[in-house]
Structure formats: structure tokens, C-alpha cells
Protein backbone atom coordinates (compact mmCIF):
# COMPACT_ATOMS: atom_id res chain seq x y z
CA MET A 1 78.58 97.63 128.17
CA SER A 2 78.95 101.32 127.50
CA LYS A 3 76.15 103.56 126.30
CA MET A 4 76.19 106.99 124.67
CA ASN A 5 74.57 108.56 127.74
CA ASP A 6 76.42 106.76 130.55
CA GLY A 7 78.42 109.91 131.40
CA LEU A 8 81.78 108.15 131.08
CA PHE A 9 84.81 108.14 128.83
CA HIS A 10 86.00 104.63 127.99
CA ILE A 11 89.71 104.83 127.33
CA LEU A 12 91.25 101.86 125.52
CA VAL A 13 94.94 101.35 126.22
CA VAL A 14 97.05 99.02 124.08
CA ARG A 15 100.58 98.63 125.40
CA ALA A 16 103.61 98.45 123.12
CA SER A 17 104.12 94.85 124.28
CA CYS A 18 100.92 93.76 122.47
CA PRO A 19 101.82 91.73 119.36
CA ARG A 20 100.61 93.11 116.04
CA TRP A 21 98.55 90.00 115.27
CA ARG A 22 96.61 90.52 118.52
CA LEU A 23 96.05 94.18 117.67
CA ILE A 24 94.62 93.15 114.28
CA LEU A 25 92.23 90.74 116.03
CA MET A 26 91.11 93.57 118.34
CA LEU A 27 90.43 95.85 115.39
CA LEU A 28 88.39 93.16 113.64
CA GLN A 29 86.22 92.82 116.75
CA LEU A 30 85.52 96.55 117.21
CA GLU A 31 82.15 96.53 115.42
CA SER A 32 80.73 93.72 117.57
CA GLY A 33 82.15 95.13 120.82
CA ASN A 34 84.06 91.93 121.58
CA HIS A 35 87.38 93.78 121.46
CA ILE A 36 87.03 94.67 125.15
CA HIS A 37 87.60 91.01 126.03
CA CYS A 38 90.90 90.77 124.13
CA LYS A 39 94.08 90.05 126.01
CA GLY A 40 96.46 93.00 125.95
CA LEU A 41 93.72 95.65 126.02
CA GLU A 42 93.07 97.72 129.12
CA VAL A 43 89.76 99.59 129.44
CA ILE A 44 89.62 102.54 131.82
CA SER A 45 86.25 104.19 132.52
CA CYS A 46 86.29 107.72 133.95
CA ARG A 47 84.49 111.07 134.02
CA ALA A 48 87.67 113.09 133.38
CA TYR A 49 91.23 112.35 132.34
CA ARG A 50 94.61 113.96 131.81
CA LEU A 51 97.23 112.27 129.65
CA GLU A 52 100.80 113.44 130.07
CA PRO A 53 103.40 112.11 127.62
CA LEU A 54 106.31 110.20 129.15
CA SER A 55 108.77 111.74 126.72
CA TYR A 56 109.04 114.32 123.95
CA ASN A 57 108.14 113.19 120.43
CA SER A 58 105.50 110.82 121.77
CA TYR A 59 102.81 109.49 119.45
CA ASN A 60 99.34 110.54 120.59
CA ASP A 61 96.27 109.15 118.87
CA ILE A 62 92.71 109.97 119.88
CA ASP A 63 89.89 108.28 118.03
CA GLY A 64 92.20 107.54 115.10
CA GLU A 65 93.41 111.14 114.81
CA LEU A 66 97.04 112.11 115.34
CA VAL A 67 97.32 114.74 118.08
CA GLU A 68 100.17 117.16 118.79
CA ASP A 69 102.67 116.39 121.54
CA GLY A 70 101.72 117.65 124.96
CA VAL A 71 99.17 117.22 127.69
CA ILE A 72 95.66 116.12 126.69
CA GLN A 73 92.78 116.46 129.10
CA ALA A 74 89.00 116.34 128.98
CA HIS A 75 85.99 116.10 131.27
CA MET A 76 82.46 114.90 130.73
CA MET A 77 79.74 117.53 130.48
CA PRO A 78 76.33 116.31 131.69
CA ARG A 79 73.81 116.55 128.83
CA GLY A 80 76.58 117.97 126.63
CA ALA A 81 75.15 116.40 123.46
CA GLN A 82 71.86 115.11 122.14
CA PHE A 83 71.49 112.37 119.56
CA PHE A 84 68.49 111.75 117.35
CA ALA A 85 67.97 108.81 115.02
CA GLY A 86 65.23 108.21 112.54
CA LYS A 87 63.92 105.04 111.03
CA VAL A 88 66.01 103.73 108.15
CA ASP A 89 64.03 102.02 105.39
């Protein structure tokens, strides 16, 4: 199971061959974390990545946001963010 401070990106890849009904089931299981066990989903854990589109006019989506065509890359920065949470009444 991933944690906020594990120092890794967890990239979820859903191939075009995945049926829509299976994609809907994955989305419904996101909150519980059970989506990672769904057939048709590939999870890649890494410290850095570079995504290069296979063709022009590709559809790039990161965290639900549409991204321009082109190369996308990122690397993990140790202690790059701090999170604080208070008690919710």
C-alpha cells in the first residue's frame, strides 16, 4: 500500500483494451483502494518518469487534468512537501 511519504510515484495505466464497464468498477473502488486489484489496471511505482506520446494529438491526463501534447516528466524530491492534519470534530 502506498503512503504519502514513501518517496514514490504510483502511475496507474489503463490500456485502451479495458472495457468501459471495468473502468467504471475501478473508479468506484478508488476511495477504498481496491482499484489496484482490478484486472486491466497496471500499477508502476517509480522515483522518476518520462512519458513520451506515441503519436501527435495524443490524449494526456494527469490526475484528472488534461495536459498538452508532448513529453511529460517528473522526479521525486525528498522531503519536497509537508502535510499537517488536525483533529476533525
